[in-house]
Amino acid sequence: MVTLQAPNVRDPDCRIIGDLLSGKTKGFVLTQRVYHGRTRISVSSTFGAGGGATAQGELLKKLASAFKISETEIKVSGDKASFAVSESPNSMSLAIVPAGYSFEEVSRIANYLEGKRGADLEIAVREAITEGSVGEFEKLKLKIEELLGNDELKNNQRWAEDVVGTTPVEKFSDVQFEKLGTYGAAMEIVRPETHCRMGCCSTKDGVARVMERYTKDAELTDQNGHLRPAPNGTHWHVRLTKDQRGHDLLNGGLWLDVLDEAILTVSKMNALHADDPAFKLPPFNILWTNNDYPSESHPGTKPTPYCFWPAPRIQ
């Protein structure tokens, strides 16, 4: 974890970091999930039973020395100490990749895409991801569905989970990963879209009636709810006190800064439900996020806002 702050590029185990940043290392990787926002990586430690104030003080000194931080950066609550190892200065995209893969599933996919089926699917995928015409793209989707076959399409929602396993990357060949990349891209191209196409569908999928604030200038909110001007800030800010299941959040809740492109205006909301004659604009606000809420083991985790419908009276 220390290498996230100050990687030692001369260490063989850390050299890959510099090589990736400089673009020297090329290869294949399956991205399991992508998050966008301010990335914070934290570490928590539990004090052993019977440890007095002196012992805790010594441990804090050792943690501060090992992680190149000051003792004031370590938050102590009861028998737990937590601190940030690395935090991005601005919003960024973070790709989560699996540590290993299922040898059986990757081998099955590689064998399934041997010969003409695999070659035709690779061509169709390349054409689909570069096609600018919606009509032509839909035709290519039909072709990809035909090449994949009904049995594969039945597994469309779980294909990524199925290829994750315990076999390390080096046990696979480049050819296997090439075929896996083609297969994964094909599966995502034909994945059924949600009705709203934005991950924001109904009040059941989001949290309604959250505290909201609008700022004329771009600002960011700290953990205490204080706003400060920032070039990478946003105009809409919301406070969550409960998760999607109605459970109370730690420390009374958290603030989220919602990107401008995630704001649903009246025209956007009506367009998303153009096929529903019974649709009416909600009279209250709704926030849609993923399910990454803070927990005792990960207190610094924050959900990623997908969409936010501000209260119409404020709009």
C-alpha atoms as a PDB file:
ATOM      1  CA  MET A   1       0.000   0.000   0.000  1.00  0.00           C
ATOM      2  CA  VAL A   2       2.914   2.371   0.629  1.00  0.00           C
ATOM      3  CA  THR A   3       3.856   2.123  -3.031  1.00  0.00           C
ATOM      4  CA  LEU A   4       0.660   3.942  -3.914  1.00  0.00           C
ATOM      5  CA  GLN A   5       2.192   7.070  -2.421  1.00  0.00           C
ATOM      6  CA  ALA A   6       5.848   6.614  -3.316  1.00  0.00           C
ATOM      7  CA  PRO A   7       6.521   3.644  -5.619  1.00  0.00           C
ATOM      8  CA  ASN A   8      10.086   2.423  -5.736  1.00  0.00           C
ATOM      9  CA  VAL A   9      10.502   1.945  -9.490  1.00  0.00           C
ATOM     10  CA  ARG A  10      13.755   0.046  -8.968  1.00  0.00           C
ATOM     11  CA  ASP A  11      11.927  -2.668  -7.070  1.00  0.00           C
ATOM     12  CA  PRO A  12      10.884  -5.393  -9.587  1.00  0.00           C
ATOM     13  CA  ASP A  13       7.537  -5.748  -7.823  1.00  0.00           C
ATOM     14  CA  CYS A  14       6.844  -2.021  -8.219  1.00  0.00           C
ATOM     15  CA  ARG A  15       8.344  -1.410 -11.658  1.00  0.00           C
ATOM     16  CA  ILE A  16       5.083  -2.384 -13.317  1.00  0.00           C
ATOM     17  CA  ILE A  17       3.484   0.791 -11.912  1.00  0.00           C
ATOM     18  CA  GLY A  18       5.882   3.089 -13.740  1.00  0.00           C
ATOM     19  CA  ASP A  19       5.760   0.967 -16.883  1.00  0.00           C
ATOM     20  CA  LEU A  20       1.968   1.169 -16.990  1.00  0.00           C
ATOM     21  CA  LEU A  21       1.971   4.928 -16.469  1.00  0.00           C
ATOM     22  CA  SER A  22       4.541   5.459 -19.217  1.00  0.00           C
ATOM     23  CA  GLY A  23       2.789   3.090 -21.613  1.00  0.00           C
ATOM     24  CA  LYS A  24       5.745   0.700 -21.858  1.00  0.00           C
ATOM     25  CA  THR A  25       3.715  -2.295 -20.750  1.00  0.00           C
ATOM     26  CA  LYS A  26       1.135  -3.630 -23.197  1.00  0.00           C
ATOM     27  CA  GLY A  27      -1.238  -6.524 -22.779  1.00  0.00           C
ATOM     28  CA  PHE A  28      -4.765  -7.656 -22.084  1.00  0.00           C
ATOM     29  CA  VAL A  29      -6.904  -7.156 -19.028  1.00  0.00           C
ATOM     30  CA  LEU A  30     -10.526  -7.776 -18.171  1.00  0.00           C
ATOM     31  CA  THR A  31     -12.037  -4.834 -16.337  1.00  0.00           C
ATOM     32  CA  GLN A  32     -14.477  -6.093 -13.734  1.00  0.00           C
ATOM     33  CA  ARG A  33     -15.869  -2.680 -12.792  1.00  0.00           C
ATOM     34  CA  VAL A  34     -15.116   0.999 -13.343  1.00  0.00           C
ATOM     35  CA  TYR A  35     -15.780   3.723 -10.787  1.00  0.00           C
ATOM     36  CA  HIS A  36     -15.588   7.451 -11.466  1.00  0.00           C
ATOM     37  CA  GLY A  37     -15.066  10.039  -8.787  1.00  0.00           C
ATOM     38  CA  ARG A  38     -12.577  11.013  -6.120  1.00  0.00           C
ATOM     39  CA  THR A  39     -10.679   7.840  -5.256  1.00  0.00           C
ATOM     40  CA  ARG A  40      -9.642   7.265  -1.636  1.00  0.00           C
ATOM     41  CA  ILE A  41      -7.773   4.172  -0.511  1.00  0.00           C
ATOM     42  CA  SER A  42      -7.783   3.706   3.259  1.00  0.00           C
ATOM     43  CA  VAL A  43      -6.426   1.231   5.781  1.00  0.00           C
ATOM     44  CA  SER A  44      -7.989   0.223   9.103  1.00  0.00           C
ATOM     45  CA  SER A  45      -6.237  -1.451  12.023  1.00  0.00           C
ATOM     46  CA  THR A  46      -7.694  -2.905  15.230  1.00  0.00           C
ATOM     47  CA  PHE A  47      -5.819  -2.648  18.513  1.00  0.00           C
ATOM     48  CA  GLY A  48      -5.322  -5.907  20.355  1.00  0.00           C
ATOM     49  CA  ALA A  49      -7.127  -6.573  23.615  1.00  0.00           C
ATOM     50  CA  GLY A  50      -5.376  -5.175  26.684  1.00  0.00           C
ATOM     51  CA  GLY A  51      -3.425  -2.511  24.798  1.00  0.00           C
ATOM     52  CA  GLY A  52      -3.080   0.587  26.946  1.00  0.00           C
ATOM     53  CA  ALA A  53      -2.691   4.204  25.898  1.00  0.00           C
ATOM     54  CA  THR A  54       1.100   3.854  25.791  1.00  0.00           C
ATOM     55  CA  ALA A  55       0.943   0.781  23.546  1.00  0.00           C
ATOM     56  CA  GLN A  56      -1.552   2.496  21.252  1.00  0.00           C
ATOM     57  CA  GLY A  57       0.671   5.545  21.046  1.00  0.00           C
ATOM     58  CA  GLU A  58       3.639   3.428  20.027  1.00  0.00           C
ATOM     59  CA  LEU A  59       1.561   1.654  17.400  1.00  0.00           C
ATOM     60  CA  LEU A  60       0.391   4.962  15.956  1.00  0.00           C
ATOM     61  CA  LYS A  61       4.005   6.101  15.666  1.00  0.00           C
ATOM     62  CA  LYS A  62       4.941   2.913  13.825  1.00  0.00           C
ATOM     63  CA  LEU A  63       1.971   3.223  11.464  1.00  0.00           C
ATOM     64  CA  ALA A  64       2.828   6.843  10.727  1.00  0.00           C
ATOM     65  CA  SER A  65       6.450   5.933  10.050  1.00  0.00           C
ATOM     66  CA  ALA A  66       5.635   2.914   7.878  1.00  0.00           C
ATOM     67  CA  PHE A  67       3.094   4.738   5.725  1.00  0.00           C
ATOM     68  CA  LYS A  68       4.964   8.044   5.539  1.00  0.00           C
ATOM     69  CA  ILE A  69       2.133  10.027   7.164  1.00  0.00           C
ATOM     70  CA  SER A  70       1.750  12.169  10.281  1.00  0.00           C
ATOM     71  CA  GLU A  71       0.024  10.864  13.397  1.00  0.00           C
ATOM     72  CA  THR A  72      -2.632  13.566  13.036  1.00  0.00           C
ATOM     73  CA  GLU A  73      -3.792  11.903   9.801  1.00  0.00           C
ATOM     74  CA  ILE A  74      -4.722   8.730  11.701  1.00  0.00           C
ATOM     75  CA  LYS A  75      -8.307   8.695  12.975  1.00  0.00           C
ATOM     76  CA  VAL A  76      -8.799   6.666  16.189  1.00  0.00           C
ATOM     77  CA  SER A  77     -12.251   5.474  17.228  1.00  0.00           C
ATOM     78  CA  GLY A  78     -12.438   3.009  20.109  1.00  0.00           C
ATOM     79  CA  ASP A  79     -10.125   0.113  19.294  1.00  0.00           C
ATOM     80  CA  LYS A  80      -9.775   1.024  15.603  1.00  0.00           C
ATOM     81  CA  ALA A  81      -7.378   3.280  13.745  1.00  0.00           C
ATOM     82  CA  SER A  82      -7.955   4.282  10.122  1.00  0.00           C
ATOM     83  CA  PHE A  83      -6.160   6.546   7.682  1.00  0.00           C
ATOM     84  CA  ALA A  84      -5.955   7.324   3.973  1.00  0.00           C
ATOM     85  CA  VAL A  85      -3.074   5.764   2.105  1.00  0.00           C
ATOM     86  CA  SER A  86      -3.799   7.500  -1.168  1.00  0.00           C
ATOM     87  CA  GLU A  87      -6.378  10.013  -2.340  1.00  0.00           C
ATOM     88  CA  SER A  88      -6.837  11.470  -5.802  1.00  0.00           C
ATOM     89  CA  PRO A  89      -6.686  15.282  -6.013  1.00  0.00           C
ATOM     90  CA  ASN A  90      -9.476  15.294  -8.594  1.00  0.00           C
ATOM     91  CA  SER A  91     -12.177  13.015  -9.936  1.00  0.00           C
ATOM     92  CA  MET A  92     -10.742  10.079 -11.871  1.00  0.00           C
ATOM     93  CA  SER A  93     -11.732   6.731 -13.313  1.00  0.00           C
ATOM     94  CA  LEU A  94     -10.618   3.651 -11.403  1.00  0.00           C
ATOM     95  CA  ALA A  95     -10.777   0.242 -13.065  1.00  0.00           C
ATOM     96  CA  ILE A  96     -11.143  -2.806 -10.819  1.00  0.00           C
ATOM     97  CA  VAL A  97      -9.653  -5.921 -12.387  1.00  0.00           C
ATOM     98  CA  PRO A  98      -9.909  -9.493 -11.089  1.00  0.00           C
ATOM     99  CA  ALA A  99      -6.822 -11.023  -9.494  1.00  0.00           C
ATOM    100  CA  GLY A 100      -7.436 -14.318 -11.287  1.00  0.00           C
ATOM    101  CA  TYR A 101      -9.587 -16.051 -13.856  1.00  0.00           C
ATOM    102  CA  SER A 102     -11.520 -19.280 -14.226  1.00  0.00           C
ATOM    103  CA  PHE A 103      -9.268 -21.623 -16.209  1.00  0.00           C
ATOM    104  CA  GLU A 104     -12.243 -23.743 -17.281  1.00  0.00           C
ATOM    105  CA  GLU A 105     -14.382 -20.811 -18.494  1.00  0.00           C
ATOM    106  CA  VAL A 106     -11.588 -18.957 -20.316  1.00  0.00           C
ATOM    107  CA  SER A 107     -10.562 -22.205 -22.027  1.00  0.00           C
ATOM    108  CA  ARG A 108     -14.176 -22.919 -22.965  1.00  0.00           C
ATOM    109  CA  ILE A 109     -14.600 -19.461 -24.523  1.00  0.00           C
ATOM    110  CA  ALA A 110     -11.317 -19.758 -26.432  1.00  0.00           C
ATOM    111  CA  ASN A 111     -12.362 -23.143 -27.819  1.00  0.00           C
ATOM    112  CA  TYR A 112     -15.839 -21.855 -28.661  1.00  0.00           C
ATOM    113  CA  LEU A 113     -14.353 -19.034 -30.731  1.00  0.00           C
ATOM    114  CA  GLU A 114     -11.923 -21.210 -32.690  1.00  0.00           C
ATOM    115  CA  GLY A 115     -12.108 -21.046 -36.464  1.00  0.00           C
ATOM    116  CA  LYS A 116     -14.587 -19.099 -38.588  1.00  0.00           C
ATOM    117  CA  ARG A 117     -17.007 -18.264 -35.744  1.00  0.00           C
ATOM    118  CA  GLY A 118     -14.277 -16.454 -33.803  1.00  0.00           C
ATOM    119  CA  ALA A 119     -12.910 -14.638 -36.861  1.00  0.00           C
ATOM    120  CA  ASP A 120     -16.381 -13.473 -37.950  1.00  0.00           C
ATOM    121  CA  LEU A 121     -17.237 -12.360 -34.401  1.00  0.00           C
ATOM    122  CA  GLU A 122     -14.015 -10.323 -34.091  1.00  0.00           C
ATOM    123  CA  ILE A 123     -14.774  -8.518 -37.368  1.00  0.00           C
ATOM    124  CA  ALA A 124     -18.377  -7.832 -36.317  1.00  0.00           C
ATOM    125  CA  VAL A 125     -17.284  -6.485 -32.924  1.00  0.00           C
ATOM    126  CA  ARG A 126     -14.669  -4.173 -34.443  1.00  0.00           C
ATOM    127  CA  GLU A 127     -17.215  -2.826 -36.920  1.00  0.00           C
ATOM    128  CA  ALA A 128     -19.844  -2.350 -34.189  1.00  0.00           C
ATOM    129  CA  ILE A 129     -17.635  -0.325 -31.851  1.00  0.00           C
ATOM    130  CA  THR A 130     -16.627   2.036 -34.678  1.00  0.00           C
ATOM    131  CA  GLU A 131     -19.995   2.304 -36.431  1.00  0.00           C
ATOM    132  CA  GLY A 132     -21.516   5.779 -36.383  1.00  0.00           C
ATOM    133  CA  SER A 133     -24.921   4.905 -37.801  1.00  0.00           C
ATOM    134  CA  VAL A 134     -27.547   3.671 -35.332  1.00  0.00           C
ATOM    135  CA  GLY A 135     -29.265   1.612 -38.021  1.00  0.00           C
ATOM    136  CA  GLU A 136     -26.046  -0.165 -39.059  1.00  0.00           C
ATOM    137  CA  PHE A 137     -25.123  -0.717 -35.414  1.00  0.00           C
ATOM    138  CA  GLU A 138     -28.445  -2.485 -34.783  1.00  0.00           C
ATOM    139  CA  LYS A 139     -27.798  -4.730 -37.804  1.00  0.00           C
ATOM    140  CA  LEU A 140     -24.363  -5.620 -36.421  1.00  0.00           C
ATOM    141  CA  LYS A 141     -25.927  -6.416 -33.029  1.00  0.00           C
ATOM    142  CA  LEU A 142     -28.212  -8.928 -34.715  1.00  0.00           C
ATOM    143  CA  LYS A 143     -25.223 -10.473 -36.482  1.00  0.00           C
ATOM    144  CA  ILE A 144     -23.277 -10.712 -33.205  1.00  0.00           C
ATOM    145  CA  GLU A 145     -26.259 -12.342 -31.483  1.00  0.00           C
ATOM    146  CA  GLU A 146     -26.460 -14.905 -34.303  1.00  0.00           C
ATOM    147  CA  LEU A 147     -22.726 -15.675 -34.047  1.00  0.00           C
ATOM    148  CA  LEU A 148     -22.847 -16.053 -30.257  1.00  0.00           C
ATOM    149  CA  GLY A 149     -25.847 -18.360 -30.290  1.00  0.00           C
ATOM    150  CA  ASN A 150     -28.774 -18.732 -27.897  1.00  0.00           C
ATOM    151  CA  ASP A 151     -26.885 -20.707 -25.244  1.00  0.00           C
ATOM    152  CA  GLU A 152     -24.289 -17.942 -24.832  1.00  0.00           C
ATOM    153  CA  LEU A 153     -26.891 -15.173 -24.893  1.00  0.00           C
ATOM    154  CA  LYS A 154     -28.706 -16.797 -21.969  1.00  0.00           C
ATOM    155  CA  ASN A 155     -25.575 -16.093 -19.898  1.00  0.00           C
ATOM    156  CA  ASN A 156     -25.350 -12.450 -20.976  1.00  0.00           C
ATOM    157  CA  GLN A 157     -25.849 -10.979 -17.485  1.00  0.00           C
ATOM    158  CA  ARG A 158     -23.297 -13.245 -15.780  1.00  0.00           C
ATOM    159  CA  TRP A 159     -20.498 -13.732 -18.280  1.00  0.00           C
ATOM    160  CA  ALA A 160     -18.029 -11.478 -16.418  1.00  0.00           C
ATOM    161  CA  GLU A 161     -18.662 -13.151 -13.056  1.00  0.00           C
ATOM    162  CA  ASP A 162     -18.177 -16.579 -14.627  1.00  0.00           C
ATOM    163  CA  VAL A 163     -14.702 -15.804 -16.013  1.00  0.00           C
ATOM    164  CA  VAL A 164     -13.407 -14.550 -12.662  1.00  0.00           C
ATOM    165  CA  GLY A 165     -11.521 -17.239 -10.748  1.00  0.00           C
ATOM    166  CA  THR A 166      -8.275 -18.102  -9.004  1.00  0.00           C
ATOM    167  CA  THR A 167      -5.928 -18.913 -11.899  1.00  0.00           C
ATOM    168  CA  PRO A 168      -3.305 -16.129 -12.288  1.00  0.00           C
ATOM    169  CA  VAL A 169      -2.956 -14.183 -15.535  1.00  0.00           C
ATOM    170  CA  GLU A 170       0.402 -15.695 -16.488  1.00  0.00           C
ATOM    171  CA  LYS A 171      -1.198 -19.130 -16.865  1.00  0.00           C
ATOM    172  CA  PHE A 172      -3.096 -17.962 -19.947  1.00  0.00           C
ATOM    173  CA  SER A 173      -1.846 -17.256 -23.468  1.00  0.00           C
ATOM    174  CA  ASP A 174      -2.270 -13.998 -25.389  1.00  0.00           C
ATOM    175  CA  VAL A 175      -4.490 -15.845 -27.860  1.00  0.00           C
ATOM    176  CA  GLN A 176      -6.856 -16.874 -25.059  1.00  0.00           C
ATOM    177  CA  PHE A 177      -7.096 -13.275 -23.837  1.00  0.00           C
ATOM    178  CA  GLU A 178      -7.657 -11.992 -27.374  1.00  0.00           C
ATOM    179  CA  LYS A 179     -10.613 -14.331 -27.727  1.00  0.00           C
ATOM    180  CA  LEU A 180     -11.849 -13.434 -24.240  1.00  0.00           C
ATOM    181  CA  GLY A 181     -11.685  -9.733 -25.169  1.00  0.00           C
ATOM    182  CA  THR A 182     -13.719 -10.336 -28.316  1.00  0.00           C
ATOM    183  CA  TYR A 183     -16.240 -12.414 -26.377  1.00  0.00           C
ATOM    184  CA  GLY A 184     -16.584  -9.819 -23.610  1.00  0.00           C
ATOM    185  CA  ALA A 185     -17.030  -6.943 -26.046  1.00  0.00           C
ATOM    186  CA  ALA A 186     -19.657  -8.939 -27.953  1.00  0.00           C
ATOM    187  CA  MET A 187     -21.553  -9.730 -24.751  1.00  0.00           C
ATOM    188  CA  GLU A 188     -21.607  -6.064 -23.723  1.00  0.00           C
ATOM    189  CA  ILE A 189     -22.743  -4.921 -27.177  1.00  0.00           C
ATOM    190  CA  VAL A 190     -25.783  -7.210 -27.050  1.00  0.00           C
ATOM    191  CA  ARG A 191     -26.500  -6.644 -23.335  1.00  0.00           C
ATOM    192  CA  PRO A 192     -30.154  -5.582 -22.956  1.00  0.00           C
ATOM    193  CA  GLU A 193     -30.466  -1.889 -22.133  1.00  0.00           C
ATOM    194  CA  THR A 194     -32.560  -0.645 -19.265  1.00  0.00           C
ATOM    195  CA  HIS A 195     -35.642   1.283 -20.295  1.00  0.00           C
ATOM    196  CA  CYS A 196     -34.143   4.581 -19.262  1.00  0.00           C
ATOM    197  CA  ARG A 197     -30.644   3.813 -20.674  1.00  0.00           C
ATOM    198  CA  MET A 198     -29.011   5.730 -17.810  1.00  0.00           C
ATOM    199  CA  GLY A 199     -29.332   3.433 -14.799  1.00  0.00           C
ATOM    200  CA  CYS A 200     -32.167   5.655 -13.498  1.00  0.00           C
ATOM    201  CA  CYS A 201     -35.526   4.040 -13.880  1.00  0.00           C
ATOM    202  CA  SER A 202     -37.958   4.456 -11.009  1.00  0.00           C
ATOM    203  CA  THR A 203     -38.239   5.601  -7.437  1.00  0.00           C
ATOM    204  CA  LYS A 204     -37.668   1.992  -6.357  1.00  0.00           C
ATOM    205  CA  ASP A 205     -34.131   2.131  -7.771  1.00  0.00           C
ATOM    206  CA  GLY A 206     -33.119   5.361  -6.034  1.00  0.00           C
ATOM    207  CA  VAL A 207     -33.214   7.282  -2.784  1.00  0.00           C
ATOM    208  CA  ALA A 208     -35.868   9.984  -2.641  1.00  0.00           C
ATOM    209  CA  ARG A 209     -36.194  13.222  -0.676  1.00  0.00           C
ATOM    210  CA  VAL A 210     -32.507  13.709   0.072  1.00  0.00           C
ATOM    211  CA  MET A 211     -31.115  17.011   1.324  1.00  0.00           C
ATOM    212  CA  GLU A 212     -29.933  19.015  -1.678  1.00  0.00           C
ATOM    213  CA  ARG A 213     -27.944  22.181  -2.266  1.00  0.00           C
ATOM    214  CA  TYR A 214     -27.252  24.146  -5.425  1.00  0.00           C
ATOM    215  CA  THR A 215     -24.250  26.450  -5.791  1.00  0.00           C
ATOM    216  CA  LYS A 216     -23.924  28.964  -8.584  1.00  0.00           C
ATOM    217  CA  ASP A 217     -20.161  28.376  -8.745  1.00  0.00           C
ATOM    218  CA  ALA A 218     -18.438  24.983  -8.963  1.00  0.00           C
ATOM    219  CA  GLU A 219     -17.673  23.779  -5.437  1.00  0.00           C
ATOM    220  CA  LEU A 220     -16.757  20.620  -3.524  1.00  0.00           C
ATOM    221  CA  THR A 221     -18.127  19.418  -0.185  1.00  0.00           C
ATOM    222  CA  ASP A 222     -15.863  18.100   2.579  1.00  0.00           C
ATOM    223  CA  GLN A 223     -16.858  15.373   5.027  1.00  0.00           C
ATOM    224  CA  ASN A 224     -18.337  17.978   7.376  1.00  0.00           C
ATOM    225  CA  GLY A 225     -20.564  19.455   4.688  1.00  0.00           C
ATOM    226  CA  HIS A 226     -18.514  22.613   4.190  1.00  0.00           C
ATOM    227  CA  LEU A 227     -18.305  23.905   0.622  1.00  0.00           C
ATOM    228  CA  ARG A 228     -15.201  25.314  -1.023  1.00  0.00           C
ATOM    229  CA  PRO A 229     -14.696  26.634  -4.571  1.00  0.00           C
ATOM    230  CA  ALA A 230     -12.844  24.202  -6.830  1.00  0.00           C
ATOM    231  CA  PRO A 231     -12.221  24.048 -10.604  1.00  0.00           C
ATOM    232  CA  ASN A 232     -13.256  20.379 -10.549  1.00  0.00           C
ATOM    233  CA  GLY A 233     -16.295  21.042  -8.381  1.00  0.00           C
ATOM    234  CA  THR A 234     -19.982  20.633  -9.164  1.00  0.00           C
ATOM    235  CA  HIS A 235     -23.143  22.702  -8.782  1.00  0.00           C
ATOM    236  CA  TRP A 236     -25.378  20.133  -7.110  1.00  0.00           C
ATOM    237  CA  HIS A 237     -24.594  18.588  -3.713  1.00  0.00           C
ATOM    238  CA  VAL A 238     -26.690  16.045  -1.794  1.00  0.00           C
ATOM    239  CA  ARG A 239     -26.586  14.556   1.688  1.00  0.00           C
ATOM    240  CA  LEU A 240     -27.431  10.909   2.307  1.00  0.00           C
ATOM    241  CA  THR A 241     -28.390   9.628   5.757  1.00  0.00           C
ATOM    242  CA  LYS A 242     -29.658   6.193   4.684  1.00  0.00           C
ATOM    243  CA  ASP A 243     -28.655   3.617   2.088  1.00  0.00           C
ATOM    244  CA  GLN A 244     -30.920   2.180  -0.617  1.00  0.00           C
ATOM    245  CA  ARG A 245     -32.402  -0.293   1.865  1.00  0.00           C
ATOM    246  CA  GLY A 246     -33.248   2.371   4.417  1.00  0.00           C
ATOM    247  CA  HIS A 247     -30.421   1.567   6.841  1.00  0.00           C
ATOM    248  CA  ASP A 248     -28.842   4.494   8.691  1.00  0.00           C
ATOM    249  CA  LEU A 249     -25.363   5.426   7.432  1.00  0.00           C
ATOM    250  CA  LEU A 250     -22.300   5.688   9.646  1.00  0.00           C
ATOM    251  CA  ASN A 251     -21.540   8.998  11.373  1.00  0.00           C
ATOM    252  CA  GLY A 252     -24.925  10.423  10.500  1.00  0.00           C
ATOM    253  CA  GLY A 253     -24.476  10.250   6.734  1.00  0.00           C
ATOM    254  CA  LEU A 254     -22.315  11.713   3.980  1.00  0.00           C
ATOM    255  CA  TRP A 255     -22.245  14.412   1.296  1.00  0.00           C
ATOM    256  CA  LEU A 256     -21.932  13.708  -2.419  1.00  0.00           C
ATOM    257  CA  ASP A 257     -21.051  16.133  -5.211  1.00  0.00           C
ATOM    258  CA  VAL A 258     -23.100  15.239  -8.300  1.00  0.00           C
ATOM    259  CA  LEU A 259     -21.526  15.862 -11.704  1.00  0.00           C
ATOM    260  CA  ASP A 260     -23.442  18.240 -13.958  1.00  0.00           C
ATOM    261  CA  GLU A 261     -23.872  15.603 -16.668  1.00  0.00           C
ATOM    262  CA  ALA A 262     -25.683  13.378 -14.149  1.00  0.00           C
ATOM    263  CA  ILE A 263     -28.413  15.962 -13.527  1.00  0.00           C
ATOM    264  CA  LEU A 264     -31.817  15.071 -14.964  1.00  0.00           C
ATOM    265  CA  THR A 265     -33.612  18.159 -16.247  1.00  0.00           C
ATOM    266  CA  VAL A 266     -37.312  18.279 -17.050  1.00  0.00           C
ATOM    267  CA  SER A 267     -36.631  17.742 -20.755  1.00  0.00           C
ATOM    268  CA  LYS A 268     -34.311  14.788 -20.065  1.00  0.00           C
ATOM    269  CA  MET A 269     -36.774  13.168 -17.682  1.00  0.00           C
ATOM    270  CA  ASN A 270     -39.635  13.488 -20.163  1.00  0.00           C
ATOM    271  CA  ALA A 271     -37.461  12.112 -22.968  1.00  0.00           C
ATOM    272  CA  LEU A 272     -36.499   9.066 -20.893  1.00  0.00           C
ATOM    273  CA  HIS A 273     -40.181   8.225 -20.373  1.00  0.00           C
ATOM    274  CA  ALA A 274     -41.483   9.275 -23.782  1.00  0.00           C
ATOM    275  CA  ASP A 275     -42.990   5.806 -24.308  1.00  0.00           C
ATOM    276  CA  ASP A 276     -44.936   5.912 -21.031  1.00  0.00           C
ATOM    277  CA  PRO A 277     -48.132   8.019 -21.415  1.00  0.00           C
ATOM    278  CA  ALA A 278     -48.905   7.626 -17.705  1.00  0.00           C
ATOM    279  CA  PHE A 279     -45.571   9.080 -16.565  1.00  0.00           C
ATOM    280  CA  LYS A 280     -45.640  12.169 -14.343  1.00  0.00           C
ATOM    281  CA  LEU A 281     -42.659  14.155 -13.140  1.00  0.00           C
ATOM    282  CA  PRO A 282     -41.893  13.265  -9.488  1.00  0.00           C
ATOM    283  CA  PRO A 283     -42.656  16.218  -7.169  1.00  0.00           C
ATOM    284  CA  PHE A 284     -39.634  15.329  -4.992  1.00  0.00           C
ATOM    285  CA  ASN A 285     -35.946  14.760  -5.689  1.00  0.00           C
ATOM    286  CA  ILE A 286     -34.450  11.314  -6.402  1.00  0.00           C
ATOM    287  CA  LEU A 287     -30.804  10.219  -6.354  1.00  0.00           C
ATOM    288  CA  TRP A 288     -29.621   7.061  -8.132  1.00  0.00           C
ATOM    289  CA  THR A 289     -26.258   5.564  -7.104  1.00  0.00           C
ATOM    290  CA  ASN A 290     -24.447   2.269  -7.037  1.00  0.00           C
ATOM    291  CA  ASN A 291     -24.499   0.256  -3.800  1.00  0.00           C
ATOM    292  CA  ASP A 292     -21.018   1.138  -2.515  1.00  0.00           C
ATOM    293  CA  TYR A 293     -22.013   2.583   0.851  1.00  0.00           C
ATOM    294  CA  PRO A 294     -19.629   2.987   3.819  1.00  0.00           C
ATOM    295  CA  SER A 295     -19.330   0.163   6.336  1.00  0.00           C
ATOM    296  CA  GLU A 296     -17.436  -0.507   9.570  1.00  0.00           C
ATOM    297  CA  SER A 297     -14.594  -2.088   7.592  1.00  0.00           C
ATOM    298  CA  HIS A 298     -14.617   0.561   4.834  1.00  0.00           C
ATOM    299  CA  PRO A 299     -15.760   3.824   6.452  1.00  0.00           C
ATOM    300  CA  GLY A 300     -14.358   5.996   3.660  1.00  0.00           C
ATOM    301  CA  THR A 301     -16.365   4.356   0.856  1.00  0.00           C
ATOM    302  CA  LYS A 302     -18.827   6.561  -1.017  1.00  0.00           C
ATOM    303  CA  PRO A 303     -21.473   5.557  -3.567  1.00  0.00           C
ATOM    304  CA  THR A 304     -21.121   6.857  -7.117  1.00  0.00           C
ATOM    305  CA  PRO A 305     -24.053   9.058  -8.242  1.00  0.00           C
ATOM    306  CA  TYR A 306     -25.511   7.876 -11.538  1.00  0.00           C
ATOM    307  CA  CYS A 307     -28.312  10.432 -11.909  1.00  0.00           C
ATOM    308  CA  PHE A 308     -29.994  13.073  -9.800  1.00  0.00           C
ATOM    309  CA  TRP A 309     -33.451  14.543 -10.272  1.00  0.00           C
ATOM    310  CA  PRO A 310     -33.526  17.773  -8.239  1.00  0.00           C
ATOM    311  CA  ALA A 311     -36.809  18.871  -6.702  1.00  0.00           C
ATOM    312  CA  PRO A 312     -38.860  20.591  -9.464  1.00  0.00           C
ATOM    313  CA  ARG A 313     -39.548  23.615  -7.229  1.00  0.00           C
ATOM    314  CA  ILE A 314     -35.791  24.299  -7.170  1.00  0.00           C
ATOM    315  CA  GLN A 315     -35.327  23.667 -10.876  1.00  0.00           C
END
